[in-house]
C-alpha cells in the first residue's frame, strides 16, 4: 500500500528489511528510555506537565530539548533558550538533505518525515544496503522513537523527584551508545579492508570522522552548546565537496 507509512506494512521476507526493522526497534527502545530523564529534568527546571509534553512533542529533538530545559533551569531568558536549542537542532537540517533523497516523499508524508528526521532515524536509514530497507528503517525508527520518547517523557514528568537522577541508571549513555553502534560501520573500521575501489572513500571517511571528533572535543569547552556539532558537520561537508570521487562507495549505497 504505497500511500501508507512503512510501519503499517506487513513485515516482508527481504532479510535486509527485516534487519532494518530489528535495528529500528532496538534503537527506539534504547533512545525512548532516555526520555524519562528529559521528563524529570523538565519538571525540575520549572515546567509543568502540559508544557513538558508540548515541548517534547513539538520540538522532538533530544539534544535541543535537554539544552532548552538546561537553560531554563539556570534561569536563562527565552532568547537564550531559542538560540541554544536552535543551534543543536540545526544539524537535523543537514540530515534532511540526505534523508529526503532516500525517501522521495511528497505532501503530508514529507512534512511528517521532516519532523521525524533525527539522529537515530537518519543513522538507521543511511546504514541500510538498499533504498527499501532505508525507507523502512527510517519510518520504523522515527515513529518508534517518537512514541517511546514521548511516553517515557510523560512518565518522567509524572514521577518527577521520586525518580532521582536518571543518569545513575546509565540511561544517559544508552542513546549515545546506540548512535555510535550505527555510525561505526559507516566509517569502515568494521570492514577489515576495502573492495571494488571503495578503499579511498573508506579511508577518507575514517579521517573525516577522526578530524570531526577532534574539532568537536576541542571546541566543546570554549563555545556554546551546539556549535561543536555544527563545526564538525561543516568539516564533513567541506571534505565531501572537495574530495575526489563520485561518492558512491560501497559504504554509501
C-alpha atoms as a PDB file:
ATOM      1  CA  UNK A   1       0.000   0.000   0.000  1.00  0.00           C
ATOM      2  CA  UNK A   2       2.202   2.741  -1.338  1.00  0.00           C
ATOM      3  CA  UNK A   3       0.394   5.678   0.308  1.00  0.00           C
ATOM      4  CA  UNK A   4       0.796   4.327   3.865  1.00  0.00           C
ATOM      5  CA  UNK A   5       3.771   4.904   6.130  1.00  0.00           C
ATOM      6  CA  UNK A   6       6.170   1.953   6.174  1.00  0.00           C
ATOM      7  CA  UNK A   7       5.311   0.786   9.743  1.00  0.00           C
ATOM      8  CA  UNK A   8       1.791  -0.184   8.577  1.00  0.00           C
ATOM      9  CA  UNK A   9       3.130  -2.683   6.070  1.00  0.00           C
ATOM     10  CA  UNK A  10       3.410  -6.363   6.906  1.00  0.00           C
ATOM     11  CA  UNK A  11       6.958  -7.495   7.551  1.00  0.00           C
ATOM     12  CA  UNK A  12       8.379  -8.612   4.199  1.00  0.00           C
ATOM     13  CA  UNK A  13      10.608 -11.605   3.617  1.00  0.00           C
ATOM     14  CA  UNK A  14      13.535  -9.444   2.495  1.00  0.00           C
ATOM     15  CA  UNK A  15      16.315 -10.097   5.043  1.00  0.00           C
ATOM     16  CA  UNK A  16      17.622  -6.538   4.689  1.00  0.00           C
ATOM     17  CA  UNK A  17      14.207  -5.096   5.519  1.00  0.00           C
ATOM     18  CA  UNK A  18      13.728  -7.430   8.494  1.00  0.00           C
ATOM     19  CA  UNK A  19      17.154  -6.430   9.740  1.00  0.00           C
ATOM     20  CA  UNK A  20      16.218  -2.756   9.377  1.00  0.00           C
ATOM     21  CA  UNK A  21      13.072  -3.316  11.459  1.00  0.00           C
ATOM     22  CA  UNK A  22      15.002  -5.138  14.188  1.00  0.00           C
ATOM     23  CA  UNK A  23      17.574  -2.348  14.299  1.00  0.00           C
ATOM     24  CA  UNK A  24      14.841   0.289  14.412  1.00  0.00           C
ATOM     25  CA  UNK A  25      13.092  -1.404  17.328  1.00  0.00           C
ATOM     26  CA  UNK A  26      16.279  -1.767  19.369  1.00  0.00           C
ATOM     27  CA  UNK A  27      17.284   1.848  18.735  1.00  0.00           C
ATOM     28  CA  UNK A  28      13.773   3.050  19.570  1.00  0.00           C
ATOM     29  CA  UNK A  29      13.791   1.278  22.927  1.00  0.00           C
ATOM     30  CA  UNK A  30      17.301   2.463  23.829  1.00  0.00           C
ATOM     31  CA  UNK A  31      16.517   6.052  22.890  1.00  0.00           C
ATOM     32  CA  UNK A  32      12.980   6.095  24.248  1.00  0.00           C
ATOM     33  CA  UNK A  33      14.074   5.018  27.713  1.00  0.00           C
ATOM     34  CA  UNK A  34      16.171   8.142  27.993  1.00  0.00           C
ATOM     35  CA  UNK A  35      13.033  10.230  27.569  1.00  0.00           C
ATOM     36  CA  UNK A  36      12.265   9.584  31.221  1.00  0.00           C
ATOM     37  CA  UNK A  37      15.300  11.681  32.050  1.00  0.00           C
ATOM     38  CA  UNK A  38      14.016  14.581  29.975  1.00  0.00           C
ATOM     39  CA  UNK A  39      10.606  14.483  31.646  1.00  0.00           C
ATOM     40  CA  UNK A  40      12.113  14.519  35.124  1.00  0.00           C
ATOM     41  CA  UNK A  41      14.576  17.302  34.289  1.00  0.00           C
ATOM     42  CA  UNK A  42      11.911  19.447  32.628  1.00  0.00           C
ATOM     43  CA  UNK A  43       9.726  19.347  35.727  1.00  0.00           C
ATOM     44  CA  UNK A  44      12.748  20.085  37.896  1.00  0.00           C
ATOM     45  CA  UNK A  45      13.501  23.106  35.669  1.00  0.00           C
ATOM     46  CA  UNK A  46      10.071  24.572  36.421  1.00  0.00           C
ATOM     47  CA  UNK A  47       7.896  23.338  33.539  1.00  0.00           C
ATOM     48  CA  UNK A  48       4.522  21.817  34.341  1.00  0.00           C
ATOM     49  CA  UNK A  49       3.239  18.607  32.749  1.00  0.00           C
ATOM     50  CA  UNK A  50       1.478  20.187  29.717  1.00  0.00           C
ATOM     51  CA  UNK A  51       4.466  22.428  28.991  1.00  0.00           C
ATOM     52  CA  UNK A  52       6.826  19.463  29.192  1.00  0.00           C
ATOM     53  CA  UNK A  53       4.786  17.370  26.792  1.00  0.00           C
ATOM     54  CA  UNK A  54       4.190  20.175  24.284  1.00  0.00           C
ATOM     55  CA  UNK A  55       7.913  20.873  24.213  1.00  0.00           C
ATOM     56  CA  UNK A  56       8.675  17.187  23.706  1.00  0.00           C
ATOM     57  CA  UNK A  57       6.020  16.588  21.044  1.00  0.00           C
ATOM     58  CA  UNK A  58       6.698  19.722  19.020  1.00  0.00           C
ATOM     59  CA  UNK A  59      10.468  20.066  19.302  1.00  0.00           C
ATOM     60  CA  UNK A  60      11.201  16.288  19.226  1.00  0.00           C
ATOM     61  CA  UNK A  61      14.980  16.569  19.209  1.00  0.00           C
ATOM     62  CA  UNK A  62      16.569  15.200  22.362  1.00  0.00           C
ATOM     63  CA  UNK A  63      19.662  17.383  22.353  1.00  0.00           C
ATOM     64  CA  UNK A  64      17.660  20.542  21.788  1.00  0.00           C
ATOM     65  CA  UNK A  65      15.133  19.555  24.457  1.00  0.00           C
ATOM     66  CA  UNK A  66      17.817  18.970  27.076  1.00  0.00           C
ATOM     67  CA  UNK A  67      19.505  22.232  26.108  1.00  0.00           C
ATOM     68  CA  UNK A  68      16.229  24.131  26.441  1.00  0.00           C
ATOM     69  CA  UNK A  69      15.407  22.820  29.921  1.00  0.00           C
ATOM     70  CA  UNK A  70      19.026  23.277  30.962  1.00  0.00           C
ATOM     71  CA  UNK A  71      18.943  26.968  30.081  1.00  0.00           C
ATOM     72  CA  UNK A  72      15.514  27.357  31.688  1.00  0.00           C
ATOM     73  CA  UNK A  73      16.700  25.628  34.836  1.00  0.00           C
ATOM     74  CA  UNK A  74      19.657  28.013  35.017  1.00  0.00           C
ATOM     75  CA  UNK A  75      17.326  30.989  34.770  1.00  0.00           C
ATOM     76  CA  UNK A  76      18.118  31.808  31.143  1.00  0.00           C
ATOM     77  CA  UNK A  77      15.959  34.131  29.050  1.00  0.00           C
ATOM     78  CA  UNK A  78      13.712  32.990  26.206  1.00  0.00           C
ATOM     79  CA  UNK A  79      16.229  34.237  23.640  1.00  0.00           C
ATOM     80  CA  UNK A  80      18.973  32.074  25.136  1.00  0.00           C
ATOM     81  CA  UNK A  81      16.658  29.055  25.105  1.00  0.00           C
ATOM     82  CA  UNK A  82      15.794  29.528  21.422  1.00  0.00           C
ATOM     83  CA  UNK A  83      19.396  30.179  20.381  1.00  0.00           C
ATOM     84  CA  UNK A  84      20.838  27.181  22.226  1.00  0.00           C
ATOM     85  CA  UNK A  85      18.141  24.738  21.174  1.00  0.00           C
ATOM     86  CA  UNK A  86      18.247  26.076  17.614  1.00  0.00           C
ATOM     87  CA  UNK A  87      21.989  25.563  17.290  1.00  0.00           C
ATOM     88  CA  UNK A  88      21.692  21.946  18.371  1.00  0.00           C
ATOM     89  CA  UNK A  89      18.678  21.314  16.164  1.00  0.00           C
ATOM     90  CA  UNK A  90      20.301  22.799  13.047  1.00  0.00           C
ATOM     91  CA  UNK A  91      22.064  19.508  12.340  1.00  0.00           C
ATOM     92  CA  UNK A  92      18.685  17.950  11.524  1.00  0.00           C
ATOM     93  CA  UNK A  93      18.513  20.278   8.529  1.00  0.00           C
ATOM     94  CA  UNK A  94      21.742  18.745   7.244  1.00  0.00           C
ATOM     95  CA  UNK A  95      20.297  15.265   7.771  1.00  0.00           C
ATOM     96  CA  UNK A  96      17.236  16.271   5.788  1.00  0.00           C
ATOM     97  CA  UNK A  97      19.215  16.707   2.580  1.00  0.00           C
ATOM     98  CA  UNK A  98      20.224  13.039   2.518  1.00  0.00           C
ATOM     99  CA  UNK A  99      17.024  11.638   4.028  1.00  0.00           C
ATOM    100  CA  UNK A 100      14.846  13.449   1.513  1.00  0.00           C
ATOM    101  CA  UNK A 101      16.697  11.810  -1.366  1.00  0.00           C
ATOM    102  CA  UNK A 102      16.309   8.373   0.245  1.00  0.00           C
ATOM    103  CA  UNK A 103      12.588   8.664   0.937  1.00  0.00           C
ATOM    104  CA  UNK A 104      11.395  10.628  -2.076  1.00  0.00           C
ATOM    105  CA  UNK A 105       8.162  11.513  -0.275  1.00  0.00           C
ATOM    106  CA  UNK A 106       5.840  14.370  -1.110  1.00  0.00           C
ATOM    107  CA  UNK A 107       2.925  16.140   0.568  1.00  0.00           C
ATOM    108  CA  UNK A 108       1.995  15.291   4.160  1.00  0.00           C
ATOM    109  CA  UNK A 109       4.462  12.408   4.289  1.00  0.00           C
ATOM    110  CA  UNK A 110       7.286  14.813   3.512  1.00  0.00           C
ATOM    111  CA  UNK A 111       6.159  17.071   6.377  1.00  0.00           C
ATOM    112  CA  UNK A 112       5.912  14.101   8.736  1.00  0.00           C
ATOM    113  CA  UNK A 113       9.320  12.824   7.632  1.00  0.00           C
ATOM    114  CA  UNK A 114      10.837  16.242   8.367  1.00  0.00           C
ATOM    115  CA  UNK A 115       9.512  16.073  11.932  1.00  0.00           C
ATOM    116  CA  UNK A 116      10.912  12.560  12.394  1.00  0.00           C
ATOM    117  CA  UNK A 117      14.343  13.366  10.950  1.00  0.00           C
ATOM    118  CA  UNK A 118      16.614  12.975  13.966  1.00  0.00           C
ATOM    119  CA  UNK A 119      19.976  11.386  14.695  1.00  0.00           C
ATOM    120  CA  UNK A 120      18.589   7.889  15.149  1.00  0.00           C
ATOM    121  CA  UNK A 121      16.220   7.722  12.149  1.00  0.00           C
ATOM    122  CA  UNK A 122      18.886   9.169   9.867  1.00  0.00           C
ATOM    123  CA  UNK A 123      21.557   6.763  11.119  1.00  0.00           C
ATOM    124  CA  UNK A 124      19.351   3.691  10.711  1.00  0.00           C
ATOM    125  CA  UNK A 125      18.162   4.747   7.238  1.00  0.00           C
ATOM    126  CA  UNK A 126      21.588   5.555   5.835  1.00  0.00           C
ATOM    127  CA  UNK A 127      23.112   2.349   7.250  1.00  0.00           C
ATOM    128  CA  UNK A 128      20.860   0.110   5.121  1.00  0.00           C
ATOM    129  CA  UNK A 129      22.103  -1.590   1.934  1.00  0.00           C
ATOM    130  CA  UNK A 130      19.118  -0.684  -0.246  1.00  0.00           C
ATOM    131  CA  UNK A 131      16.503   2.039  -0.648  1.00  0.00           C
ATOM    132  CA  UNK A 132      13.562  -0.089   0.516  1.00  0.00           C
ATOM    133  CA  UNK A 133      15.355  -1.108   3.686  1.00  0.00           C
ATOM    134  CA  UNK A 134      16.411   2.502   4.186  1.00  0.00           C
ATOM    135  CA  UNK A 135      12.816   3.708   3.937  1.00  0.00           C
ATOM    136  CA  UNK A 136      11.589   1.025   6.330  1.00  0.00           C
ATOM    137  CA  UNK A 137      14.436   1.756   8.733  1.00  0.00           C
ATOM    138  CA  UNK A 138      13.676   5.464   8.717  1.00  0.00           C
ATOM    139  CA  UNK A 139       9.934   5.170   9.344  1.00  0.00           C
ATOM    140  CA  UNK A 140      10.120   2.432  11.950  1.00  0.00           C
ATOM    141  CA  UNK A 141      12.857   4.270  13.823  1.00  0.00           C
ATOM    142  CA  UNK A 142      11.243   7.684  13.558  1.00  0.00           C
ATOM    143  CA  UNK A 143       7.811   6.528  14.677  1.00  0.00           C
ATOM    144  CA  UNK A 144       9.225   4.158  17.298  1.00  0.00           C
ATOM    145  CA  UNK A 145      11.420   6.800  18.893  1.00  0.00           C
ATOM    146  CA  UNK A 146       8.635   9.383  18.749  1.00  0.00           C
ATOM    147  CA  UNK A 147       6.154   7.131  20.552  1.00  0.00           C
ATOM    148  CA  UNK A 148       8.543   5.747  23.172  1.00  0.00           C
ATOM    149  CA  UNK A 149      10.403   9.004  23.770  1.00  0.00           C
ATOM    150  CA  UNK A 150       7.205  10.903  24.499  1.00  0.00           C
ATOM    151  CA  UNK A 151       5.708   8.055  26.542  1.00  0.00           C
ATOM    152  CA  UNK A 152       8.768   7.915  28.786  1.00  0.00           C
ATOM    153  CA  UNK A 153       8.951  11.712  28.913  1.00  0.00           C
ATOM    154  CA  UNK A 154       5.416  11.647  30.288  1.00  0.00           C
ATOM    155  CA  UNK A 155       6.435   9.002  32.831  1.00  0.00           C
ATOM    156  CA  UNK A 156       9.447  11.062  33.876  1.00  0.00           C
ATOM    157  CA  UNK A 157       7.360  14.180  34.289  1.00  0.00           C
ATOM    158  CA  UNK A 158       4.800  12.318  36.404  1.00  0.00           C
ATOM    159  CA  UNK A 159       7.403  10.640  38.584  1.00  0.00           C
ATOM    160  CA  UNK A 160       9.414  13.833  38.996  1.00  0.00           C
ATOM    161  CA  UNK A 161      11.614  13.885  42.059  1.00  0.00           C
ATOM    162  CA  UNK A 162      10.722  10.312  43.014  1.00  0.00           C
ATOM    163  CA  UNK A 163      12.837   9.096  40.115  1.00  0.00           C
ATOM    164  CA  UNK A 164      16.072  10.758  41.201  1.00  0.00           C
ATOM    165  CA  UNK A 165      18.881  11.361  38.711  1.00  0.00           C
ATOM    166  CA  UNK A 166      18.255   9.038  35.713  1.00  0.00           C
ATOM    167  CA  UNK A 167      21.972   9.104  34.930  1.00  0.00           C
ATOM    168  CA  UNK A 168      22.610   6.743  37.794  1.00  0.00           C
ATOM    169  CA  UNK A 169      20.759   4.073  35.806  1.00  0.00           C
ATOM    170  CA  UNK A 170      23.015   4.624  32.816  1.00  0.00           C
ATOM    171  CA  UNK A 171      20.205   5.975  30.640  1.00  0.00           C
ATOM    172  CA  UNK A 172      22.282   8.977  29.606  1.00  0.00           C
ATOM    173  CA  UNK A 173      24.669   6.643  27.779  1.00  0.00           C
ATOM    174  CA  UNK A 174      22.069   4.414  26.104  1.00  0.00           C
ATOM    175  CA  UNK A 175      21.135   6.695  23.217  1.00  0.00           C
ATOM    176  CA  UNK A 176      24.722   7.771  22.548  1.00  0.00           C
ATOM    177  CA  UNK A 177      25.887   4.136  22.556  1.00  0.00           C
ATOM    178  CA  UNK A 178      23.171   3.127  20.097  1.00  0.00           C
ATOM    179  CA  UNK A 179      24.072   6.010  17.783  1.00  0.00           C
ATOM    180  CA  UNK A 180      27.786   5.129  17.902  1.00  0.00           C
ATOM    181  CA  UNK A 181      27.000   1.492  17.094  1.00  0.00           C
ATOM    182  CA  UNK A 182      25.136   2.634  13.991  1.00  0.00           C
ATOM    183  CA  UNK A 183      27.848   5.074  12.972  1.00  0.00           C
ATOM    184  CA  UNK A 184      30.776   2.682  13.392  1.00  0.00           C
ATOM    185  CA  UNK A 185      30.263   0.555  10.243  1.00  0.00           C
ATOM    186  CA  UNK A 186      29.710   3.718   8.184  1.00  0.00           C
ATOM    187  CA  UNK A 187      33.313   4.820   8.672  1.00  0.00           C
ATOM    188  CA  UNK A 188      34.608   1.402   7.629  1.00  0.00           C
ATOM    189  CA  UNK A 189      36.528   0.283  10.686  1.00  0.00           C
ATOM    190  CA  UNK A 190      34.471  -2.887  10.954  1.00  0.00           C
ATOM    191  CA  UNK A 191      35.000  -3.954   7.334  1.00  0.00           C
ATOM    192  CA  UNK A 192      38.624  -5.027   7.699  1.00  0.00           C
ATOM    193  CA  UNK A 193      39.572  -3.871   4.225  1.00  0.00           C
ATOM    194  CA  UNK A 194      38.192  -2.424   1.059  1.00  0.00           C
ATOM    195  CA  UNK A 195      36.637  -3.847  -2.080  1.00  0.00           C
ATOM    196  CA  UNK A 196      35.632  -2.695  -5.520  1.00  0.00           C
ATOM    197  CA  UNK A 197      37.616   0.520  -5.376  1.00  0.00           C
ATOM    198  CA  UNK A 198      35.897   1.713  -2.201  1.00  0.00           C
ATOM    199  CA  UNK A 199      39.169   1.930  -0.277  1.00  0.00           C
ATOM    200  CA  UNK A 200      39.769   5.624  -0.914  1.00  0.00           C
ATOM    201  CA  UNK A 201      36.279   6.589   0.240  1.00  0.00           C
ATOM    202  CA  UNK A 202      36.567   4.430   3.363  1.00  0.00           C
ATOM    203  CA  UNK A 203      39.927   5.920   4.278  1.00  0.00           C
ATOM    204  CA  UNK A 204      38.541   9.409   3.710  1.00  0.00           C
ATOM    205  CA  UNK A 205      35.557   8.589   5.916  1.00  0.00           C
ATOM    206  CA  UNK A 206      37.837   7.436   8.716  1.00  0.00           C
ATOM    207  CA  UNK A 207      39.937  10.584   8.602  1.00  0.00           C
ATOM    208  CA  UNK A 208      36.873  12.817   8.431  1.00  0.00           C
ATOM    209  CA  UNK A 209      35.324  11.043  11.439  1.00  0.00           C
ATOM    210  CA  UNK A 210      38.566  11.382  13.399  1.00  0.00           C
ATOM    211  CA  UNK A 211      39.012  15.048  12.466  1.00  0.00           C
ATOM    212  CA  UNK A 212      35.368  15.836  13.291  1.00  0.00           C
ATOM    213  CA  UNK A 213      35.741  14.235  16.718  1.00  0.00           C
ATOM    214  CA  UNK A 214      38.883  16.283  17.387  1.00  0.00           C
ATOM    215  CA  UNK A 215      37.168  19.512  16.305  1.00  0.00           C
ATOM    216  CA  UNK A 216      34.106  18.818  18.466  1.00  0.00           C
ATOM    217  CA  UNK A 217      36.191  17.931  21.538  1.00  0.00           C
ATOM    218  CA  UNK A 218      38.431  20.983  21.106  1.00  0.00           C
ATOM    219  CA  UNK A 219      35.515  23.404  20.774  1.00  0.00           C
ATOM    220  CA  UNK A 220      33.265  21.966  23.494  1.00  0.00           C
ATOM    221  CA  UNK A 221      34.918  23.772  26.452  1.00  0.00           C
ATOM    222  CA  UNK A 222      35.043  27.189  24.737  1.00  0.00           C
ATOM    223  CA  UNK A 223      31.907  27.683  22.619  1.00  0.00           C
ATOM    224  CA  UNK A 224      28.146  27.466  23.277  1.00  0.00           C
ATOM    225  CA  UNK A 225      26.374  24.117  23.113  1.00  0.00           C
ATOM    226  CA  UNK A 226      25.565  23.125  19.551  1.00  0.00           C
ATOM    227  CA  UNK A 227      28.470  24.915  17.902  1.00  0.00           C
ATOM    228  CA  UNK A 228      30.865  21.913  18.172  1.00  0.00           C
ATOM    229  CA  UNK A 229      28.333  19.671  16.407  1.00  0.00           C
ATOM    230  CA  UNK A 230      27.808  22.196  13.623  1.00  0.00           C
ATOM    231  CA  UNK A 231      31.559  22.747  13.212  1.00  0.00           C
ATOM    232  CA  UNK A 232      32.163  19.006  12.913  1.00  0.00           C
ATOM    233  CA  UNK A 233      29.328  18.689  10.396  1.00  0.00           C
ATOM    234  CA  UNK A 234      30.693  21.631   8.396  1.00  0.00           C
ATOM    235  CA  UNK A 235      34.082  19.937   8.245  1.00  0.00           C
ATOM    236  CA  UNK A 236      32.472  16.783   6.814  1.00  0.00           C
ATOM    237  CA  UNK A 237      30.510  18.809   4.259  1.00  0.00           C
ATOM    238  CA  UNK A 238      33.635  20.670   3.091  1.00  0.00           C
ATOM    239  CA  UNK A 239      35.573  17.412   2.697  1.00  0.00           C
ATOM    240  CA  UNK A 240      32.633  15.844   0.872  1.00  0.00           C
ATOM    241  CA  UNK A 241      32.553  18.722  -1.605  1.00  0.00           C
ATOM    242  CA  UNK A 242      36.306  18.892  -2.165  1.00  0.00           C
ATOM    243  CA  UNK A 243      37.202  15.175  -2.076  1.00  0.00           C
ATOM    244  CA  UNK A 244      37.592  13.418  -5.453  1.00  0.00           C
ATOM    245  CA  UNK A 245      35.271  10.549  -6.443  1.00  0.00           C
ATOM    246  CA  UNK A 246      31.602  10.149  -7.205  1.00  0.00           C
ATOM    247  CA  UNK A 247      30.604   9.397  -3.604  1.00  0.00           C
ATOM    248  CA  UNK A 248      29.046   6.054  -4.465  1.00  0.00           C
ATOM    249  CA  UNK A 249      31.317   3.785  -2.496  1.00  0.00           C
ATOM    250  CA  UNK A 250      30.020   0.580  -1.004  1.00  0.00           C
ATOM    251  CA  UNK A 251      29.572   2.316   2.296  1.00  0.00           C
ATOM    252  CA  UNK A 252      27.129   4.862   0.928  1.00  0.00           C
ATOM    253  CA  UNK A 253      24.917   2.739  -1.289  1.00  0.00           C
END
